[in-house]
Amino acid sequence: MNNMNWDPAMVNPLTINPFKATAKNFALKNPTARFAVLTLWSAPHFYPLMIGWDNRDPTSFRDLIGRYFNWMFVPKDLPRSEWSIHLSAQARITPYKKFLGKNVIARRDKYLVMATDEGELFKLVAATTFAIQTKPWRLELDLWKSFVNVDIKFLEGLDDKWVE
């Protein structure tokens, strides 16, 4: 792992305040608050991010009969893989921060969308979806693993694996 080239912009997503705590603080100030937790689609064992050419050799391996293999996509069990998906997720919404403000937060492969009411939530979710899935189209939302238009009570009742 010491041979890999890491982007200096990468940050540990676990240093970002957990979504449940952030949502609770928002709900305390906004009694009619509505939320969405949007999850990026990914295969069970890898994120939809390609490993750069400069990092292919350090992640290659040879089997017992001498064949060489290298990973094309970022395995989820690769050290700092959650840092990579977080960097990509954050980069998708950064150009739209003027519109999204502090109401959309990325953490690993998830987004927390917070709104004062249902109408505002649907606008923010549509804008966030556009930001994520627009050019270059590499990332997409997994609506089967997302929650849209829920209240704080629902979020607090979810197991952390669905939210964090």
C-alpha atoms as a PDB file:
ATOM      1  CA  MET A   1       0.000   0.000   0.000  1.00  0.00           C
ATOM      2  CA  ASN A   2       2.964   2.308   0.493  1.00  0.00           C
ATOM      3  CA  ASN A   3       3.565   2.205  -3.281  1.00  0.00           C
ATOM      4  CA  MET A   4       0.143   3.628  -4.128  1.00  0.00           C
ATOM      5  CA  ASN A   5      -0.326   7.264  -5.110  1.00  0.00           C
ATOM      6  CA  TRP A   6      -3.061   8.849  -3.002  1.00  0.00           C
ATOM      7  CA  ASP A   7      -4.834  12.038  -4.007  1.00  0.00           C
ATOM      8  CA  PRO A   8      -3.918  14.675  -1.393  1.00  0.00           C
ATOM      9  CA  ALA A   9      -7.536  15.916  -1.448  1.00  0.00           C
ATOM     10  CA  MET A  10      -8.714  12.638   0.083  1.00  0.00           C
ATOM     11  CA  VAL A  11     -10.121  12.876   3.592  1.00  0.00           C
ATOM     12  CA  ASN A  12     -11.321  10.239   5.979  1.00  0.00           C
ATOM     13  CA  PRO A  13     -15.131  10.271   5.621  1.00  0.00           C
ATOM     14  CA  LEU A  14     -15.493   8.968   9.160  1.00  0.00           C
ATOM     15  CA  THR A  15     -14.347  12.384  10.416  1.00  0.00           C
ATOM     16  CA  ILE A  16     -17.588  13.853   9.033  1.00  0.00           C
ATOM     17  CA  ASN A  17     -20.373  14.154  11.563  1.00  0.00           C
ATOM     18  CA  PRO A  18     -22.687  11.089  11.401  1.00  0.00           C
ATOM     19  CA  PHE A  19     -25.882  11.646   9.410  1.00  0.00           C
ATOM     20  CA  LYS A  20     -28.205  10.827  12.313  1.00  0.00           C
ATOM     21  CA  ALA A  21     -26.625  13.474  14.546  1.00  0.00           C
ATOM     22  CA  THR A  22     -26.617  16.058  11.744  1.00  0.00           C
ATOM     23  CA  ALA A  23     -30.249  15.311  10.902  1.00  0.00           C
ATOM     24  CA  LYS A  24     -31.282  15.516  14.555  1.00  0.00           C
ATOM     25  CA  ASN A  25     -29.701  18.982  14.933  1.00  0.00           C
ATOM     26  CA  PHE A  26     -31.463  20.113  11.759  1.00  0.00           C
ATOM     27  CA  ALA A  27     -34.813  18.711  12.945  1.00  0.00           C
ATOM     28  CA  LEU A  28     -34.527  20.529  16.268  1.00  0.00           C
ATOM     29  CA  LYS A  29     -34.407  23.848  14.379  1.00  0.00           C
ATOM     30  CA  ASN A  30     -36.993  22.834  11.755  1.00  0.00           C
ATOM     31  CA  PRO A  31     -40.010  20.979  13.201  1.00  0.00           C
ATOM     32  CA  THR A  32     -41.394  20.042   9.745  1.00  0.00           C
ATOM     33  CA  ALA A  33     -38.024  18.800   8.460  1.00  0.00           C
ATOM     34  CA  ARG A  34     -37.912  16.052   5.857  1.00  0.00           C
ATOM     35  CA  PHE A  35     -34.882  14.024   4.864  1.00  0.00           C
ATOM     36  CA  ALA A  36     -33.450  11.796   2.180  1.00  0.00           C
ATOM     37  CA  VAL A  37     -30.490   9.458   2.405  1.00  0.00           C
ATOM     38  CA  LEU A  38     -29.318   8.745  -1.126  1.00  0.00           C
ATOM     39  CA  THR A  39     -26.942   5.836  -1.715  1.00  0.00           C
ATOM     40  CA  LEU A  40     -24.699   5.424  -4.730  1.00  0.00           C
ATOM     41  CA  TRP A  41     -25.041   2.205  -6.668  1.00  0.00           C
ATOM     42  CA  SER A  42     -22.158  -0.211  -6.301  1.00  0.00           C
ATOM     43  CA  ALA A  43     -21.518  -3.892  -6.761  1.00  0.00           C
ATOM     44  CA  PRO A  44     -21.176  -5.963  -3.580  1.00  0.00           C
ATOM     45  CA  HIS A  45     -17.367  -6.124  -3.709  1.00  0.00           C
ATOM     46  CA  PHE A  46     -16.212  -2.960  -5.481  1.00  0.00           C
ATOM     47  CA  TYR A  47     -17.012   0.724  -5.904  1.00  0.00           C
ATOM     48  CA  PRO A  48     -17.757   2.088  -9.397  1.00  0.00           C
ATOM     49  CA  LEU A  49     -14.354   3.777  -9.564  1.00  0.00           C
ATOM     50  CA  MET A  50     -11.494   2.668 -11.774  1.00  0.00           C
ATOM     51  CA  ILE A  51      -8.046   2.266 -10.315  1.00  0.00           C
ATOM     52  CA  GLY A  52      -5.653   4.670 -12.018  1.00  0.00           C
ATOM     53  CA  TRP A  53      -2.915   3.333 -14.266  1.00  0.00           C
ATOM     54  CA  ASP A  54      -0.289   4.480 -11.793  1.00  0.00           C
ATOM     55  CA  ASN A  55      -1.836   2.278  -9.075  1.00  0.00           C
ATOM     56  CA  ARG A  56      -2.436  -0.900 -11.093  1.00  0.00           C
ATOM     57  CA  ASP A  57       0.948  -2.489 -10.352  1.00  0.00           C
ATOM     58  CA  PRO A  58       0.700  -2.193  -6.541  1.00  0.00           C
ATOM     59  CA  THR A  59      -2.726  -3.858  -6.634  1.00  0.00           C
ATOM     60  CA  SER A  60      -1.753  -6.677  -9.020  1.00  0.00           C
ATOM     61  CA  PHE A  61      -1.196 -10.253  -7.984  1.00  0.00           C
ATOM     62  CA  ARG A  62       0.019 -13.513  -9.492  1.00  0.00           C
ATOM     63  CA  ASP A  63      -1.723 -16.847  -9.072  1.00  0.00           C
ATOM     64  CA  LEU A  64      -0.063 -20.212  -8.459  1.00  0.00           C
ATOM     65  CA  ILE A  65       0.488 -20.949 -12.149  1.00  0.00           C
ATOM     66  CA  GLY A  66       2.042 -17.574 -12.936  1.00  0.00           C
ATOM     67  CA  ARG A  67      -0.889 -15.620 -14.401  1.00  0.00           C
ATOM     68  CA  TYR A  68      -1.029 -11.932 -13.485  1.00  0.00           C
ATOM     69  CA  PHE A  69      -4.224 -10.154 -12.497  1.00  0.00           C
ATOM     70  CA  ASN A  70      -4.956  -6.560 -11.623  1.00  0.00           C
ATOM     71  CA  TRP A  71      -8.022  -4.832 -10.288  1.00  0.00           C
ATOM     72  CA  MET A  72      -9.834  -2.521 -12.686  1.00  0.00           C
ATOM     73  CA  PHE A  73     -12.264  -1.189 -10.081  1.00  0.00           C
ATOM     74  CA  VAL A  74     -11.673  -0.200  -6.457  1.00  0.00           C
ATOM     75  CA  PRO A  75     -12.322  -3.197  -4.166  1.00  0.00           C
ATOM     76  CA  LYS A  76     -14.341  -2.270  -1.096  1.00  0.00           C
ATOM     77  CA  ASP A  77     -11.836  -3.993   1.171  1.00  0.00           C
ATOM     78  CA  LEU A  78      -8.875  -2.034  -0.234  1.00  0.00           C
ATOM     79  CA  PRO A  79      -7.450   0.284   2.431  1.00  0.00           C
ATOM     80  CA  ARG A  80      -8.809   3.818   1.987  1.00  0.00           C
ATOM     81  CA  SER A  81     -11.372   2.684  -0.588  1.00  0.00           C
ATOM     82  CA  GLU A  82     -14.062   4.545   1.352  1.00  0.00           C
ATOM     83  CA  TRP A  83     -11.855   7.649   1.060  1.00  0.00           C
ATOM     84  CA  SER A  84     -11.869   7.263  -2.743  1.00  0.00           C
ATOM     85  CA  ILE A  85     -15.638   6.927  -3.063  1.00  0.00           C
ATOM     86  CA  HIS A  86     -16.091   9.844  -0.658  1.00  0.00           C
ATOM     87  CA  LEU A  87     -13.812  12.029  -2.774  1.00  0.00           C
ATOM     88  CA  SER A  88     -15.810  11.166  -5.904  1.00  0.00           C
ATOM     89  CA  ALA A  89     -19.160  11.634  -4.159  1.00  0.00           C
ATOM     90  CA  GLN A  90     -18.105  15.024  -2.776  1.00  0.00           C
ATOM     91  CA  ALA A  91     -16.756  16.128  -6.155  1.00  0.00           C
ATOM     92  CA  ARG A  92     -20.157  15.528  -7.769  1.00  0.00           C
ATOM     93  CA  ILE A  93     -21.967  18.044  -5.540  1.00  0.00           C
ATOM     94  CA  THR A  94     -19.209  20.622  -5.044  1.00  0.00           C
ATOM     95  CA  PRO A  95     -19.963  22.571  -8.276  1.00  0.00           C
ATOM     96  CA  TYR A  96     -23.577  22.935  -7.118  1.00  0.00           C
ATOM     97  CA  LYS A  97     -22.860  24.003  -3.519  1.00  0.00           C
ATOM     98  CA  LYS A  98     -24.233  27.489  -4.247  1.00  0.00           C
ATOM     99  CA  PHE A  99     -27.668  25.940  -4.787  1.00  0.00           C
ATOM    100  CA  LEU A 100     -27.446  22.942  -2.460  1.00  0.00           C
ATOM    101  CA  GLY A 101     -25.830  24.886   0.381  1.00  0.00           C
ATOM    102  CA  LYS A 102     -25.297  23.058   3.646  1.00  0.00           C
ATOM    103  CA  ASN A 103     -28.434  20.989   3.084  1.00  0.00           C
ATOM    104  CA  VAL A 104     -26.647  18.229   1.146  1.00  0.00           C
ATOM    105  CA  ILE A 105     -23.762  16.384   2.761  1.00  0.00           C
ATOM    106  CA  ALA A 106     -21.686  13.553   1.314  1.00  0.00           C
ATOM    107  CA  ARG A 107     -20.236  10.835   3.524  1.00  0.00           C
ATOM    108  CA  ARG A 108     -18.597   7.842   1.854  1.00  0.00           C
ATOM    109  CA  ASP A 109     -21.099   6.592  -0.757  1.00  0.00           C
ATOM    110  CA  LYS A 110     -24.144   8.317   0.754  1.00  0.00           C
ATOM    111  CA  TYR A 111     -25.730  11.754   0.693  1.00  0.00           C
ATOM    112  CA  LEU A 112     -27.875  13.305   3.392  1.00  0.00           C
ATOM    113  CA  VAL A 113     -30.415  15.757   1.994  1.00  0.00           C
ATOM    114  CA  MET A 114     -32.138  17.963   4.582  1.00  0.00           C
ATOM    115  CA  ALA A 115     -35.076  20.273   3.913  1.00  0.00           C
ATOM    116  CA  THR A 116     -37.480  22.325   5.970  1.00  0.00           C
ATOM    117  CA  ASP A 117     -40.517  20.765   4.255  1.00  0.00           C
ATOM    118  CA  GLU A 118     -41.545  18.233   1.635  1.00  0.00           C
ATOM    119  CA  GLY A 119     -41.593  20.718  -1.259  1.00  0.00           C
ATOM    120  CA  GLU A 120     -38.050  21.889  -0.608  1.00  0.00           C
ATOM    121  CA  LEU A 121     -36.896  18.285  -0.161  1.00  0.00           C
ATOM    122  CA  PHE A 122     -38.111  17.227  -3.579  1.00  0.00           C
ATOM    123  CA  LYS A 123     -36.315  20.170  -5.215  1.00  0.00           C
ATOM    124  CA  LEU A 124     -33.082  19.361  -3.383  1.00  0.00           C
ATOM    125  CA  VAL A 125     -33.303  15.623  -4.129  1.00  0.00           C
ATOM    126  CA  ALA A 126     -33.903  16.348  -7.833  1.00  0.00           C
ATOM    127  CA  ALA A 127     -30.954  18.771  -7.908  1.00  0.00           C
ATOM    128  CA  THR A 128     -28.715  16.312  -6.041  1.00  0.00           C
ATOM    129  CA  THR A 129     -29.687  13.494  -8.397  1.00  0.00           C
ATOM    130  CA  PHE A 130     -28.862  15.732 -11.362  1.00  0.00           C
ATOM    131  CA  ALA A 131     -25.494  16.653  -9.845  1.00  0.00           C
ATOM    132  CA  ILE A 132     -24.591  13.013  -9.206  1.00  0.00           C
ATOM    133  CA  GLN A 133     -25.754  11.518 -12.492  1.00  0.00           C
ATOM    134  CA  THR A 134     -24.816  14.267 -14.946  1.00  0.00           C
ATOM    135  CA  LYS A 135     -21.700  14.452 -17.115  1.00  0.00           C
ATOM    136  CA  PRO A 136     -19.420  12.648 -16.790  1.00  0.00           C
ATOM    137  CA  TRP A 137     -21.903   9.896 -16.074  1.00  0.00           C
ATOM    138  CA  ARG A 138     -20.109   7.416 -13.851  1.00  0.00           C
ATOM    139  CA  LEU A 139     -22.099   7.388 -10.662  1.00  0.00           C
ATOM    140  CA  GLU A 140     -25.773   6.663 -10.174  1.00  0.00           C
ATOM    141  CA  LEU A 141     -28.147   6.421  -7.262  1.00  0.00           C
ATOM    142  CA  ASP A 142     -29.420   3.134  -5.969  1.00  0.00           C
ATOM    143  CA  LEU A 143     -33.024   3.900  -5.056  1.00  0.00           C
ATOM    144  CA  TRP A 144     -33.441   0.412  -3.580  1.00  0.00           C
ATOM    145  CA  LYS A 145     -30.928   1.370  -0.894  1.00  0.00           C
ATOM    146  CA  SER A 146     -32.044   4.994  -0.489  1.00  0.00           C
ATOM    147  CA  PHE A 147     -34.692   6.642   1.651  1.00  0.00           C
ATOM    148  CA  VAL A 148     -36.609   9.687   0.404  1.00  0.00           C
ATOM    149  CA  ASN A 149     -39.093  11.918   2.234  1.00  0.00           C
ATOM    150  CA  VAL A 150     -38.635  10.511   5.720  1.00  0.00           C
ATOM    151  CA  ASP A 151     -38.787  12.245   9.081  1.00  0.00           C
ATOM    152  CA  ILE A 152     -36.241  12.268  11.887  1.00  0.00           C
ATOM    153  CA  LYS A 153     -38.031   9.514  13.787  1.00  0.00           C
ATOM    154  CA  PHE A 154     -37.679   7.186  10.798  1.00  0.00           C
ATOM    155  CA  LEU A 155     -33.981   8.016  10.393  1.00  0.00           C
ATOM    156  CA  GLU A 156     -33.250   7.439  14.061  1.00  0.00           C
ATOM    157  CA  GLY A 157     -34.942   4.035  13.867  1.00  0.00           C
ATOM    158  CA  LEU A 158     -32.775   2.822  10.995  1.00  0.00           C
ATOM    159  CA  ASP A 159     -29.802   0.587  11.630  1.00  0.00           C
ATOM    160  CA  ASP A 160     -26.566   2.523  11.089  1.00  0.00           C
ATOM    161  CA  LYS A 161     -25.550   0.335   8.116  1.00  0.00           C
ATOM    162  CA  TRP A 162     -28.361   1.971   6.104  1.00  0.00           C
ATOM    163  CA  VAL A 163     -27.474   5.531   7.064  1.00  0.00           C
ATOM    164  CA  GLU A 164     -23.778   5.728   7.802  1.00  0.00           C
END
